[in-house]
Amino acid sequence: MHALLAFLPRPEGGTTKVPREWVEASDWFVLFTLGTLFFLLGAFAMWAWLIWRRTTKPEPHVKLLMELEEESATEARTTNPEEEPGSRAPWEQAPDWWKKVDP
């Protein structure tokens, strides 16, 4: 690293004078970048909060649809297809067709 610094020109005053316009532009770049970062973080936080709110406190009509879907799923699980022989399509066989039980 020291060998590289030997090739760089050194000003007599010890530091290089940076034009005032460059300093102002770099300050604005940093402020713009930080503003963009905080805006994106805020947008993602708002998005996550909206998703959380929709799942924990759904609107009444959505809640009703969820309850109806849950009821129909529970009803489908409790219904036994063996009890209702007419519910099968004509091409379906009985569930115990392989047992070959004589009636």
C-alpha atoms as a PDB file:
ATOM      1  CA  MET A   1       0.000   0.000   0.000  1.00  0.00           C
ATOM      2  CA  HIS A   2       2.845   2.360   0.813  1.00  0.00           C
ATOM      3  CA  ALA A   3       4.367   1.738  -2.597  1.00  0.00           C
ATOM      4  CA  LEU A   4       1.152   2.883  -4.257  1.00  0.00           C
ATOM      5  CA  LEU A   5       1.054   6.058  -2.200  1.00  0.00           C
ATOM      6  CA  ALA A   6       4.582   6.931  -3.355  1.00  0.00           C
ATOM      7  CA  PHE A   7       3.301   7.408  -6.907  1.00  0.00           C
ATOM      8  CA  LEU A   8       0.445   9.715  -5.970  1.00  0.00           C
ATOM      9  CA  PRO A   9       1.219  13.433  -6.093  1.00  0.00           C
ATOM     10  CA  ARG A  10       1.190  15.076  -2.678  1.00  0.00           C
ATOM     11  CA  PRO A  11       0.034  18.638  -2.332  1.00  0.00           C
ATOM     12  CA  GLU A  12       2.249  21.003  -0.425  1.00  0.00           C
ATOM     13  CA  GLY A  13      -0.446  21.872   2.086  1.00  0.00           C
ATOM     14  CA  GLY A  14      -0.899  18.236   3.100  1.00  0.00           C
ATOM     15  CA  THR A  15      -4.474  17.782   1.807  1.00  0.00           C
ATOM     16  CA  THR A  16      -6.122  18.225  -1.530  1.00  0.00           C
ATOM     17  CA  LYS A  17      -8.566  21.067  -1.858  1.00  0.00           C
ATOM     18  CA  VAL A  18     -11.940  19.702  -2.950  1.00  0.00           C
ATOM     19  CA  PRO A  19     -14.133  22.083  -4.930  1.00  0.00           C
ATOM     20  CA  ARG A  20     -17.127  23.295  -2.949  1.00  0.00           C
ATOM     21  CA  GLU A  21     -19.522  22.113  -5.689  1.00  0.00           C
ATOM     22  CA  TRP A  22     -18.254  18.528  -5.287  1.00  0.00           C
ATOM     23  CA  VAL A  23     -18.786  18.587  -1.548  1.00  0.00           C
ATOM     24  CA  GLU A  24     -22.308  19.924  -1.952  1.00  0.00           C
ATOM     25  CA  ALA A  25     -23.114  17.326  -4.626  1.00  0.00           C
ATOM     26  CA  SER A  26     -21.769  14.486  -2.498  1.00  0.00           C
ATOM     27  CA  ASP A  27     -23.832  15.722   0.455  1.00  0.00           C
ATOM     28  CA  TRP A  28     -26.982  15.716  -1.677  1.00  0.00           C
ATOM     29  CA  PHE A  29     -26.153  12.228  -2.972  1.00  0.00           C
ATOM     30  CA  VAL A  30     -25.841  10.905   0.582  1.00  0.00           C
ATOM     31  CA  LEU A  31     -29.088  12.591   1.634  1.00  0.00           C
ATOM     32  CA  PHE A  32     -30.932  11.263  -1.415  1.00  0.00           C
ATOM     33  CA  THR A  33     -29.602   7.735  -0.838  1.00  0.00           C
ATOM     34  CA  LEU A  34     -30.568   7.790   2.836  1.00  0.00           C
ATOM     35  CA  GLY A  35     -34.003   9.183   1.969  1.00  0.00           C
ATOM     36  CA  THR A  36     -34.536   6.406  -0.575  1.00  0.00           C
ATOM     37  CA  LEU A  37     -33.412   3.771   1.926  1.00  0.00           C
ATOM     38  CA  PHE A  38     -35.730   5.028   4.657  1.00  0.00           C
ATOM     39  CA  PHE A  39     -38.626   5.344   2.210  1.00  0.00           C
ATOM     40  CA  LEU A  40     -38.189   1.720   1.089  1.00  0.00           C
ATOM     41  CA  LEU A  41     -37.888   0.496   4.673  1.00  0.00           C
ATOM     42  CA  GLY A  42     -41.077   2.362   5.548  1.00  0.00           C
ATOM     43  CA  ALA A  43     -42.877   0.946   2.507  1.00  0.00           C
ATOM     44  CA  PHE A  44     -41.897  -2.621   3.406  1.00  0.00           C
ATOM     45  CA  ALA A  45     -42.903  -2.078   7.034  1.00  0.00           C
ATOM     46  CA  MET A  46     -46.302  -0.727   5.937  1.00  0.00           C
ATOM     47  CA  TRP A  47     -46.780  -3.658   3.571  1.00  0.00           C
ATOM     48  CA  ALA A  48     -45.927  -6.183   6.323  1.00  0.00           C
ATOM     49  CA  TRP A  49     -48.305  -4.428   8.733  1.00  0.00           C
ATOM     50  CA  LEU A  50     -51.146  -4.531   6.185  1.00  0.00           C
ATOM     51  CA  ILE A  51     -50.635  -8.247   5.592  1.00  0.00           C
ATOM     52  CA  TRP A  52     -50.560  -8.913   9.353  1.00  0.00           C
ATOM     53  CA  ARG A  53     -53.699  -6.825   9.881  1.00  0.00           C
ATOM     54  CA  ARG A  54     -55.616  -8.573   7.112  1.00  0.00           C
ATOM     55  CA  THR A  55     -54.831 -12.014   8.555  1.00  0.00           C
ATOM     56  CA  THR A  56     -55.616 -11.167  12.178  1.00  0.00           C
ATOM     57  CA  LYS A  57     -58.627  -8.876  11.675  1.00  0.00           C
ATOM     58  CA  PRO A  58     -60.362  -9.712   8.380  1.00  0.00           C
ATOM     59  CA  GLU A  59     -63.270  -7.640   7.171  1.00  0.00           C
ATOM     60  CA  PRO A  60     -66.742  -8.984   8.050  1.00  0.00           C
ATOM     61  CA  HIS A  61     -67.578 -10.313   4.587  1.00  0.00           C
ATOM     62  CA  VAL A  62     -64.201 -12.069   4.324  1.00  0.00           C
ATOM     63  CA  LYS A  63     -64.680 -13.529   7.809  1.00  0.00           C
ATOM     64  CA  LEU A  64     -68.092 -14.871   6.776  1.00  0.00           C
ATOM     65  CA  LEU A  65     -66.636 -16.495   3.662  1.00  0.00           C
ATOM     66  CA  MET A  66     -63.878 -18.082   5.747  1.00  0.00           C
ATOM     67  CA  GLU A  67     -66.452 -19.477   8.204  1.00  0.00           C
ATOM     68  CA  LEU A  68     -68.601 -20.886   5.385  1.00  0.00           C
ATOM     69  CA  GLU A  69     -65.571 -22.542   3.818  1.00  0.00           C
ATOM     70  CA  GLU A  70     -64.576 -24.024   7.168  1.00  0.00           C
ATOM     71  CA  GLU A  71     -68.098 -25.385   7.712  1.00  0.00           C
ATOM     72  CA  SER A  72     -68.191 -27.009   4.292  1.00  0.00           C
ATOM     73  CA  ALA A  73     -64.765 -28.582   4.869  1.00  0.00           C
ATOM     74  CA  THR A  74     -65.889 -29.953   8.246  1.00  0.00           C
ATOM     75  CA  GLU A  75     -69.088 -31.285   6.703  1.00  0.00           C
ATOM     76  CA  ALA A  76     -67.163 -32.981   3.900  1.00  0.00           C
ATOM     77  CA  ARG A  77     -64.878 -34.695   6.426  1.00  0.00           C
ATOM     78  CA  THR A  78     -67.738 -35.987   8.556  1.00  0.00           C
ATOM     79  CA  THR A  79     -69.766 -37.309   5.614  1.00  0.00           C
ATOM     80  CA  ASN A  80     -69.018 -40.986   5.012  1.00  0.00           C
ATOM     81  CA  PRO A  81     -69.338 -42.103   1.357  1.00  0.00           C
ATOM     82  CA  GLU A  82     -70.255 -45.670   2.404  1.00  0.00           C
ATOM     83  CA  GLU A  83     -73.459 -44.460   4.046  1.00  0.00           C
ATOM     84  CA  GLU A  84     -74.730 -42.843   0.866  1.00  0.00           C
ATOM     85  CA  PRO A  85     -74.447 -45.344  -1.992  1.00  0.00           C
ATOM     86  CA  GLY A  86     -76.219 -43.019  -4.418  1.00  0.00           C
ATOM     87  CA  SER A  87     -73.546 -40.339  -4.075  1.00  0.00           C
ATOM     88  CA  ARG A  88     -71.029 -42.236  -6.246  1.00  0.00           C
ATOM     89  CA  ALA A  89     -70.848 -41.702  -9.953  1.00  0.00           C
ATOM     90  CA  PRO A  90     -71.978 -44.661 -12.125  1.00  0.00           C
ATOM     91  CA  TRP A  91     -68.435 -45.559 -13.154  1.00  0.00           C
ATOM     92  CA  GLU A  92     -67.064 -45.672  -9.603  1.00  0.00           C
ATOM     93  CA  GLN A  93     -66.741 -48.962  -7.777  1.00  0.00           C
ATOM     94  CA  ALA A  94     -67.509 -49.591  -4.145  1.00  0.00           C
ATOM     95  CA  PRO A  95     -64.589 -48.807  -1.826  1.00  0.00           C
ATOM     96  CA  ASP A  96     -64.276 -52.452  -0.800  1.00  0.00           C
ATOM     97  CA  TRP A  97     -64.575 -54.001  -4.270  1.00  0.00           C
ATOM     98  CA  TRP A  98     -61.307 -55.852  -3.847  1.00  0.00           C
ATOM     99  CA  LYS A  99     -62.568 -57.828  -0.834  1.00  0.00           C
ATOM    100  CA  LYS A 100     -64.930 -59.862  -3.065  1.00  0.00           C
ATOM    101  CA  VAL A 101     -67.491 -60.249  -0.326  1.00  0.00           C
ATOM    102  CA  ASP A 102     -70.625 -62.076  -1.427  1.00  0.00           C
ATOM    103  CA  PRO A 103     -73.766 -60.166  -0.404  1.00  0.00           C
END
